[in-house]
Amino acid sequence: MAKEKRFIKTYSQGCGSMEIWVDTKTGVNYIYRCGGYGGGLTPLLDATGKPVVTSTVNGDN
């Protein structure tokens, strides 16, 4: 039985230094940024400061 992916990558810029990941259970978008030996992950926020939520998420990617 194939295991369902919880997070899927929906966007990548540069050599993978900035990516957007979506939680397939909640639809919340996260931005991941890395450089050198460091990196960070945080919820992606809209102009009002609320998390960006994708309504339809396909976990097949």
C-alpha atoms as a PDB file:
ATOM      1  CA  MET A   1       0.000   0.000   0.000  1.00  0.00           C
ATOM      2  CA  ALA A   2       1.455   3.360  -1.066  1.00  0.00           C
ATOM      3  CA  LYS A   3       1.880   5.886   1.689  1.00  0.00           C
ATOM      4  CA  GLU A   4       0.133   9.217   1.105  1.00  0.00           C
ATOM      5  CA  LYS A   5       2.433  12.253   0.984  1.00  0.00           C
ATOM      6  CA  ARG A   6       1.677  14.791   3.728  1.00  0.00           C
ATOM      7  CA  PHE A   7       3.587  17.654   2.066  1.00  0.00           C
ATOM      8  CA  ILE A   8       4.015  18.429  -1.624  1.00  0.00           C
ATOM      9  CA  LYS A   9       6.348  20.947  -3.232  1.00  0.00           C
ATOM     10  CA  THR A  10       4.383  23.367  -5.415  1.00  0.00           C
ATOM     11  CA  TYR A  11       7.065  25.942  -6.293  1.00  0.00           C
ATOM     12  CA  SER A  12      10.837  26.139  -6.529  1.00  0.00           C
ATOM     13  CA  GLN A  13      13.066  29.100  -7.375  1.00  0.00           C
ATOM     14  CA  GLY A  14      16.811  29.080  -7.872  1.00  0.00           C
ATOM     15  CA  CYS A  15      18.739  25.903  -7.149  1.00  0.00           C
ATOM     16  CA  GLY A  16      16.162  24.792  -4.600  1.00  0.00           C
ATOM     17  CA  SER A  17      17.069  27.745  -2.369  1.00  0.00           C
ATOM     18  CA  MET A  18      13.430  28.853  -2.075  1.00  0.00           C
ATOM     19  CA  GLU A  19      10.473  26.481  -2.183  1.00  0.00           C
ATOM     20  CA  ILE A  20       6.786  26.500  -1.323  1.00  0.00           C
ATOM     21  CA  TRP A  21       5.368  23.361   0.280  1.00  0.00           C
ATOM     22  CA  VAL A  22       1.689  22.610   0.907  1.00  0.00           C
ATOM     23  CA  ASP A  23       0.345  20.465   3.732  1.00  0.00           C
ATOM     24  CA  THR A  24      -2.103  18.100   1.996  1.00  0.00           C
ATOM     25  CA  LYS A  25      -4.163  17.655   5.190  1.00  0.00           C
ATOM     26  CA  THR A  26      -4.685  21.346   6.078  1.00  0.00           C
ATOM     27  CA  GLY A  27      -3.904  23.159   2.800  1.00  0.00           C
ATOM     28  CA  VAL A  28      -1.537  25.554   4.619  1.00  0.00           C
ATOM     29  CA  ASN A  29       1.342  26.817   2.443  1.00  0.00           C
ATOM     30  CA  TYR A  30       4.869  26.974   3.882  1.00  0.00           C
ATOM     31  CA  ILE A  31       7.907  28.759   2.477  1.00  0.00           C
ATOM     32  CA  TYR A  32      11.283  27.071   2.817  1.00  0.00           C
ATOM     33  CA  ARG A  33      14.467  29.036   2.272  1.00  0.00           C
ATOM     34  CA  CYS A  34      18.002  27.703   2.490  1.00  0.00           C
ATOM     35  CA  GLY A  35      21.453  29.055   1.920  1.00  0.00           C
ATOM     36  CA  GLY A  36      24.864  27.713   2.840  1.00  0.00           C
ATOM     37  CA  TYR A  37      24.508  25.540   5.925  1.00  0.00           C
ATOM     38  CA  GLY A  38      21.247  27.073   7.175  1.00  0.00           C
ATOM     39  CA  GLY A  39      17.591  27.007   6.302  1.00  0.00           C
ATOM     40  CA  GLY A  40      14.187  27.827   7.632  1.00  0.00           C
ATOM     41  CA  LEU A  41      10.526  26.972   7.250  1.00  0.00           C
ATOM     42  CA  THR A  42       7.606  29.262   8.055  1.00  0.00           C
ATOM     43  CA  PRO A  43       3.931  29.560   7.087  1.00  0.00           C
ATOM     44  CA  LEU A  44       3.381  31.715   4.000  1.00  0.00           C
ATOM     45  CA  LEU A  45       1.261  34.721   4.992  1.00  0.00           C
ATOM     46  CA  ASP A  46      -1.083  36.891   2.920  1.00  0.00           C
ATOM     47  CA  ALA A  47      -1.254  40.711   3.049  1.00  0.00           C
ATOM     48  CA  THR A  48      -3.402  40.627   6.213  1.00  0.00           C
ATOM     49  CA  GLY A  49      -1.027  38.290   8.083  1.00  0.00           C
ATOM     50  CA  LYS A  50      -3.143  35.147   7.775  1.00  0.00           C
ATOM     51  CA  PRO A  51      -1.695  31.865   6.456  1.00  0.00           C
ATOM     52  CA  VAL A  52      -2.205  31.167   2.757  1.00  0.00           C
ATOM     53  CA  VAL A  53      -4.433  28.099   2.411  1.00  0.00           C
ATOM     54  CA  THR A  54      -4.802  26.127  -0.815  1.00  0.00           C
ATOM     55  CA  SER A  55      -8.346  24.757  -1.067  1.00  0.00           C
ATOM     56  CA  THR A  56      -7.629  21.834  -3.405  1.00  0.00           C
ATOM     57  CA  VAL A  57      -4.464  19.864  -2.869  1.00  0.00           C
ATOM     58  CA  ASN A  58      -3.401  16.923  -5.008  1.00  0.00           C
ATOM     59  CA  GLY A  59      -0.935  14.666  -3.202  1.00  0.00           C
ATOM     60  CA  ASP A  60       0.112  12.849  -6.388  1.00  0.00           C
ATOM     61  CA  ASN A  61       3.049  15.178  -7.186  1.00  0.00           C
END
